[in-house]
Amino acid sequence: MGREATQFKPGQSGNPNGRPPGSSNTRSLELANKIEKTGLLPVEYLASVYQDESVSQSLRIAAARAAAPYVHSRLSSVTMDCLVDLRSVEELSDAELALAIRQCQEDIERTSGN
């Protein structure tokens, strides 16, 4: 069998279908092996990377971004209509303040579906 039989035709890649969906690339496999060897959870491994000052800053930032959703919940905007007396808090009686707080809590529960 000559070399020509194993050569790719012009314009055709080595694997016309490409890498199968969901298959890991070499870098992903190396990272998974490192994590497995350390015995750390992925978020713990990412934390160790972004805290390691000997690692490049770009890699530390990437690790911090990847770890952020596991550590900090994403904030969402909430619209709430709560009628409050426009007087200063100091001017309200304890009963008026308690009523305003209770009304706001009810509004929050009603709008959040709890």
N, C-alpha and C. Protein backbone atom coordinates (compact mmCIF):
# COMPACT_ATOMS: atom_id res chain seq x y z
N MET A 1 0.86 -1.17 0.00
CA MET A 1 0.00 0.00 0.00
C MET A 1 0.91 1.23 0.00
N GLY A 2 0.74 2.07 -0.97
CA GLY A 2 1.57 3.25 -1.10
C GLY A 2 1.07 4.38 -0.21
N ARG A 3 1.92 5.35 -0.11
CA ARG A 3 1.59 6.52 0.73
C ARG A 3 0.38 7.28 0.18
N GLU A 4 0.20 7.23 -1.11
CA GLU A 4 -0.91 7.93 -1.73
C GLU A 4 -2.26 7.44 -1.22
N ALA A 5 -2.35 6.19 -0.87
CA ALA A 5 -3.62 5.61 -0.40
C ALA A 5 -4.01 6.16 0.96
N THR A 6 -3.01 6.58 1.76
CA THR A 6 -3.32 7.11 3.09
C THR A 6 -3.36 8.62 3.11
N GLN A 7 -2.99 9.26 2.02
CA GLN A 7 -2.99 10.72 1.96
C GLN A 7 -4.42 11.24 1.85
N PHE A 8 -4.63 12.40 2.41
CA PHE A 8 -5.94 13.03 2.30
C PHE A 8 -6.08 13.67 0.94
N LYS A 9 -7.29 13.69 0.46
CA LYS A 9 -7.56 14.34 -0.82
C LYS A 9 -7.50 15.86 -0.59
N PRO A 10 -7.12 16.64 -1.56
CA PRO A 10 -7.07 18.09 -1.41
C PRO A 10 -8.44 18.64 -0.98
N GLY A 11 -8.41 19.51 0.03
CA GLY A 11 -9.65 20.13 0.52
C GLY A 11 -10.42 19.28 1.50
N GLN A 12 -9.90 18.13 1.86
CA GLN A 12 -10.61 17.26 2.80
C GLN A 12 -9.79 17.13 4.07
N SER A 13 -10.44 17.30 5.24
CA SER A 13 -9.71 17.19 6.50
C SER A 13 -9.53 15.73 6.84
N GLY A 14 -8.72 15.48 7.87
CA GLY A 14 -8.48 14.11 8.31
C GLY A 14 -9.74 13.43 8.82
N ASN A 15 -10.65 14.20 9.37
CA ASN A 15 -11.90 13.64 9.86
C ASN A 15 -13.02 14.55 9.35
N PRO A 16 -13.63 14.21 8.23
CA PRO A 16 -14.64 15.09 7.63
C PRO A 16 -15.81 15.40 8.57
N ASN A 17 -16.10 14.52 9.50
CA ASN A 17 -17.22 14.75 10.42
C ASN A 17 -16.81 15.58 11.62
N GLY A 18 -15.52 15.79 11.82
CA GLY A 18 -15.04 16.56 12.97
C GLY A 18 -15.09 15.72 14.24
N ARG A 19 -14.70 16.35 15.34
CA ARG A 19 -14.73 15.66 16.63
C ARG A 19 -16.18 15.46 17.06
N PRO A 20 -16.53 14.29 17.56
CA PRO A 20 -17.92 14.04 17.98
C PRO A 20 -18.34 15.01 19.09
N PRO A 21 -19.60 15.45 19.09
CA PRO A 21 -20.07 16.36 20.14
C PRO A 21 -19.89 15.73 21.52
N GLY A 22 -19.44 16.53 22.46
CA GLY A 22 -19.28 16.06 23.83
C GLY A 22 -17.95 15.38 24.12
N SER A 23 -17.15 15.12 23.08
CA SER A 23 -15.86 14.49 23.33
C SER A 23 -14.89 15.53 23.88
N SER A 24 -14.00 15.09 24.73
CA SER A 24 -13.06 16.01 25.37
C SER A 24 -11.84 16.23 24.50
N ASN A 25 -11.32 17.46 24.52
CA ASN A 25 -10.08 17.71 23.82
C ASN A 25 -8.92 17.42 24.78
N THR A 26 -7.70 17.49 24.28
CA THR A 26 -6.53 17.14 25.08
C THR A 26 -6.43 18.00 26.33
N ARG A 27 -6.68 19.30 26.19
CA ARG A 27 -6.57 20.20 27.34
C ARG A 27 -7.60 19.85 28.42
N SER A 28 -8.82 19.54 28.02
CA SER A 28 -9.85 19.16 28.99
C SER A 28 -9.46 17.88 29.72
N LEU A 29 -8.91 16.93 28.97
CA LEU A 29 -8.49 15.67 29.60
C LEU A 29 -7.35 15.90 30.58
N GLU A 30 -6.38 16.75 30.21
CA GLU A 30 -5.27 17.05 31.11
C GLU A 30 -5.77 17.72 32.39
N LEU A 31 -6.69 18.66 32.24
CA LEU A 31 -7.26 19.34 33.40
C LEU A 31 -8.02 18.36 34.28
N ALA A 32 -8.80 17.49 33.68
CA ALA A 32 -9.55 16.50 34.45
C ALA A 32 -8.61 15.57 35.21
N ASN A 33 -7.50 15.19 34.57
CA ASN A 33 -6.52 14.32 35.24
C ASN A 33 -5.87 15.03 36.42
N LYS A 34 -5.53 16.33 36.25
CA LYS A 34 -4.94 17.09 37.36
C LYS A 34 -5.91 17.17 38.54
N ILE A 35 -7.18 17.46 38.22
CA ILE A 35 -8.19 17.57 39.27
C ILE A 35 -8.35 16.23 39.99
N GLU A 36 -8.39 15.15 39.22
CA GLU A 36 -8.55 13.82 39.81
C GLU A 36 -7.37 13.48 40.72
N LYS A 37 -6.15 13.84 40.32
CA LYS A 37 -4.96 13.55 41.13
C LYS A 37 -4.97 14.33 42.45
N THR A 38 -5.49 15.57 42.42
CA THR A 38 -5.48 16.37 43.64
C THR A 38 -6.57 15.94 44.62
N GLY A 39 -7.64 15.32 44.11
CA GLY A 39 -8.74 14.91 44.98
C GLY A 39 -9.63 16.08 45.38
N LEU A 40 -9.47 17.23 44.73
CA LEU A 40 -10.27 18.41 45.05
C LEU A 40 -11.54 18.44 44.20
N LEU A 41 -12.54 19.08 44.72
CA LEU A 41 -13.72 19.37 43.92
C LEU A 41 -13.31 20.39 42.87
N PRO A 42 -14.00 20.45 41.73
CA PRO A 42 -13.62 21.42 40.70
C PRO A 42 -13.52 22.85 41.20
N VAL A 43 -14.46 23.28 42.03
CA VAL A 43 -14.42 24.65 42.53
C VAL A 43 -13.21 24.86 43.45
N GLU A 44 -12.83 23.84 44.18
CA GLU A 44 -11.64 23.94 45.04
C GLU A 44 -10.37 24.04 44.19
N TYR A 45 -10.34 23.26 43.12
CA TYR A 45 -9.20 23.32 42.22
C TYR A 45 -9.10 24.71 41.58
N LEU A 46 -10.23 25.22 41.10
CA LEU A 46 -10.24 26.55 40.50
C LEU A 46 -9.77 27.60 41.49
N ALA A 47 -10.21 27.48 42.74
CA ALA A 47 -9.78 28.43 43.78
C ALA A 47 -8.28 28.34 43.98
N SER A 48 -7.73 27.14 43.95
CA SER A 48 -6.28 27.01 44.14
C SER A 48 -5.52 27.65 42.98
N VAL A 49 -6.11 27.60 41.78
CA VAL A 49 -5.46 28.21 40.62
C VAL A 49 -5.50 29.73 40.72
N TYR A 50 -6.68 30.30 41.02
CA TYR A 50 -6.73 31.77 41.03
C TYR A 50 -6.04 32.38 42.25
N GLN A 51 -5.72 31.57 43.24
CA GLN A 51 -4.98 32.07 44.40
C GLN A 51 -3.47 31.88 44.26
N ASP A 52 -3.05 31.12 43.26
CA ASP A 52 -1.63 30.82 43.06
C ASP A 52 -0.96 31.95 42.28
N GLU A 53 -0.13 32.72 42.95
CA GLU A 53 0.51 33.88 42.32
C GLU A 53 1.56 33.50 41.29
N SER A 54 1.97 32.23 41.25
CA SER A 54 2.95 31.81 40.25
C SER A 54 2.29 31.51 38.90
N VAL A 55 0.98 31.43 38.87
CA VAL A 55 0.22 31.17 37.65
C VAL A 55 0.01 32.49 36.91
N SER A 56 -0.04 32.45 35.58
CA SER A 56 -0.23 33.67 34.80
C SER A 56 -1.54 34.35 35.19
N GLN A 57 -1.54 35.66 35.08
CA GLN A 57 -2.72 36.43 35.48
C GLN A 57 -3.94 36.07 34.63
N SER A 58 -3.73 35.84 33.34
CA SER A 58 -4.87 35.50 32.47
C SER A 58 -5.51 34.18 32.89
N LEU A 59 -4.69 33.20 33.29
CA LEU A 59 -5.22 31.92 33.74
C LEU A 59 -5.91 32.08 35.10
N ARG A 60 -5.35 32.91 35.96
CA ARG A 60 -5.98 33.16 37.27
C ARG A 60 -7.35 33.80 37.10
N ILE A 61 -7.44 34.76 36.17
CA ILE A 61 -8.72 35.43 35.91
C ILE A 61 -9.72 34.44 35.34
N ALA A 62 -9.28 33.60 34.42
CA ALA A 62 -10.17 32.59 33.83
C ALA A 62 -10.68 31.63 34.91
N ALA A 63 -9.80 31.23 35.83
CA ALA A 63 -10.21 30.33 36.91
C ALA A 63 -11.21 31.02 37.84
N ALA A 64 -10.97 32.29 38.13
CA ALA A 64 -11.89 33.04 39.00
C ALA A 64 -13.26 33.16 38.35
N ARG A 65 -13.29 33.44 37.05
CA ARG A 65 -14.57 33.54 36.34
C ARG A 65 -15.30 32.20 36.34
N ALA A 66 -14.57 31.13 36.15
CA ALA A 66 -15.19 29.80 36.13
C ALA A 66 -15.72 29.41 37.50
N ALA A 67 -15.05 29.84 38.56
CA ALA A 67 -15.46 29.48 39.92
C ALA A 67 -16.58 30.36 40.45
N ALA A 68 -16.70 31.57 39.92
CA ALA A 68 -17.66 32.54 40.45
C ALA A 68 -19.09 32.02 40.59
N PRO A 69 -19.66 31.33 39.60
CA PRO A 69 -21.04 30.86 39.75
C PRO A 69 -21.23 29.87 40.90
N TYR A 70 -20.16 29.17 41.28
CA TYR A 70 -20.25 28.21 42.38
C TYR A 70 -20.17 28.89 43.74
N VAL A 71 -19.61 30.09 43.75
CA VAL A 71 -19.36 30.80 45.01
C VAL A 71 -20.37 31.92 45.24
N HIS A 72 -20.72 32.63 44.17
CA HIS A 72 -21.62 33.78 44.28
C HIS A 72 -22.82 33.56 43.37
N SER A 73 -24.01 33.72 43.92
CA SER A 73 -25.19 33.59 43.08
C SER A 73 -25.31 34.81 42.19
N ARG A 74 -25.91 34.61 41.04
CA ARG A 74 -26.09 35.71 40.10
C ARG A 74 -27.24 36.58 40.58
N LEU A 75 -27.01 37.87 40.59
CA LEU A 75 -28.04 38.80 41.02
C LEU A 75 -29.04 39.00 39.90
N SER A 76 -30.28 39.13 40.28
CA SER A 76 -31.30 39.41 39.29
C SER A 76 -32.04 40.67 39.71
N SER A 77 -32.56 41.36 38.72
CA SER A 77 -33.28 42.58 39.04
C SER A 77 -34.71 42.22 39.42
N VAL A 78 -35.24 42.95 40.36
CA VAL A 78 -36.59 42.73 40.84
C VAL A 78 -37.29 44.07 40.88
N THR A 79 -38.47 44.10 40.33
CA THR A 79 -39.28 45.31 40.41
C THR A 79 -40.31 45.11 41.50
N MET A 80 -40.38 46.06 42.39
CA MET A 80 -41.31 45.93 43.51
C MET A 80 -41.99 47.27 43.74
N ASP A 81 -43.28 47.21 43.85
CA ASP A 81 -44.04 48.41 44.19
C ASP A 81 -44.43 48.30 45.65
N CYS A 82 -43.94 49.21 46.43
CA CYS A 82 -44.20 49.21 47.86
C CYS A 82 -44.51 50.64 48.28
N LEU A 83 -45.72 50.83 48.73
CA LEU A 83 -46.11 52.17 49.15
C LEU A 83 -45.61 52.42 50.56
N VAL A 84 -44.83 53.46 50.70
CA VAL A 84 -44.24 53.79 51.98
C VAL A 84 -44.51 55.25 52.27
N ASP A 85 -44.78 55.54 53.51
CA ASP A 85 -44.97 56.93 53.95
C ASP A 85 -43.67 57.68 53.68
N LEU A 86 -43.77 58.83 53.05
CA LEU A 86 -42.57 59.57 52.66
C LEU A 86 -41.94 60.36 53.80
N ARG A 87 -42.50 60.29 54.97
CA ARG A 87 -41.88 60.97 56.11
C ARG A 87 -40.59 60.25 56.48
N SER A 88 -39.72 60.93 57.15
CA SER A 88 -38.47 60.34 57.61
C SER A 88 -38.78 59.21 58.60
N VAL A 89 -37.91 58.22 58.61
CA VAL A 89 -38.09 57.09 59.52
C VAL A 89 -38.15 57.58 60.97
N GLU A 90 -37.38 58.59 61.28
CA GLU A 90 -37.38 59.11 62.65
C GLU A 90 -38.73 59.70 63.04
N GLU A 91 -39.51 60.15 62.05
CA GLU A 91 -40.80 60.77 62.33
C GLU A 91 -41.92 59.74 62.51
N LEU A 92 -41.70 58.49 62.10
CA LEU A 92 -42.72 57.47 62.21
C LEU A 92 -42.76 56.89 63.62
N SER A 93 -43.96 56.56 64.06
CA SER A 93 -44.08 55.88 65.35
C SER A 93 -43.66 54.43 65.14
N ASP A 94 -43.44 53.73 66.23
CA ASP A 94 -43.08 52.32 66.14
C ASP A 94 -44.17 51.53 65.42
N ALA A 95 -45.41 51.83 65.69
CA ALA A 95 -46.53 51.13 65.07
C ALA A 95 -46.57 51.40 63.56
N GLU A 96 -46.34 52.66 63.15
CA GLU A 96 -46.34 53.01 61.73
C GLU A 96 -45.18 52.34 61.01
N LEU A 97 -44.03 52.29 61.64
CA LEU A 97 -42.86 51.66 61.05
C LEU A 97 -43.08 50.16 60.90
N ALA A 98 -43.63 49.53 61.94
CA ALA A 98 -43.91 48.09 61.89
C ALA A 98 -44.91 47.78 60.78
N LEU A 99 -45.93 48.63 60.61
CA LEU A 99 -46.93 48.44 59.57
C LEU A 99 -46.28 48.56 58.18
N ALA A 100 -45.43 49.57 57.99
CA ALA A 100 -44.76 49.76 56.70
C ALA A 100 -43.87 48.56 56.37
N ILE A 101 -43.17 48.05 57.36
CA ILE A 101 -42.32 46.88 57.14
C ILE A 101 -43.16 45.67 56.77
N ARG A 102 -44.24 45.46 57.50
CA ARG A 102 -45.12 44.32 57.25
C ARG A 102 -45.72 44.41 55.84
N GLN A 103 -46.12 45.61 55.41
CA GLN A 103 -46.68 45.79 54.08
C GLN A 103 -45.64 45.49 53.00
N CYS A 104 -44.42 45.93 53.21
CA CYS A 104 -43.35 45.65 52.24
C CYS A 104 -43.06 44.16 52.18
N GLN A 105 -43.04 43.49 53.32
CA GLN A 105 -42.80 42.04 53.35
C GLN A 105 -43.90 41.31 52.60
N GLU A 106 -45.15 41.74 52.79
CA GLU A 106 -46.27 41.11 52.08
C GLU A 106 -46.15 41.34 50.58
N ASP A 107 -45.73 42.54 50.18
CA ASP A 107 -45.54 42.84 48.77
C ASP A 107 -44.43 41.96 48.18
N ILE A 108 -43.37 41.78 48.92
CA ILE A 108 -42.26 40.93 48.45
C ILE A 108 -42.73 39.50 48.29
N GLU A 109 -43.44 38.98 49.27
CA GLU A 109 -43.94 37.60 49.19
C GLU A 109 -44.91 37.43 48.02
N ARG A 110 -45.76 38.42 47.81
CA ARG A 110 -46.74 38.34 46.74
C ARG A 110 -46.05 38.35 45.37
N THR A 111 -45.04 39.21 45.20
CA THR A 111 -44.36 39.31 43.91
C THR A 111 -43.39 38.17 43.64
N SER A 112 -42.85 37.55 44.70
CA SER A 112 -41.90 36.46 44.49
C SER A 112 -42.59 35.11 44.40
N GLY A 113 -43.87 35.05 44.69
CA GLY A 113 -44.62 33.81 44.57
C GLY A 113 -44.45 32.89 45.75
N ASN A 114 -43.87 33.33 46.85
CA ASN A 114 -43.69 32.47 48.03
C ASN A 114 -44.92 32.43 48.89
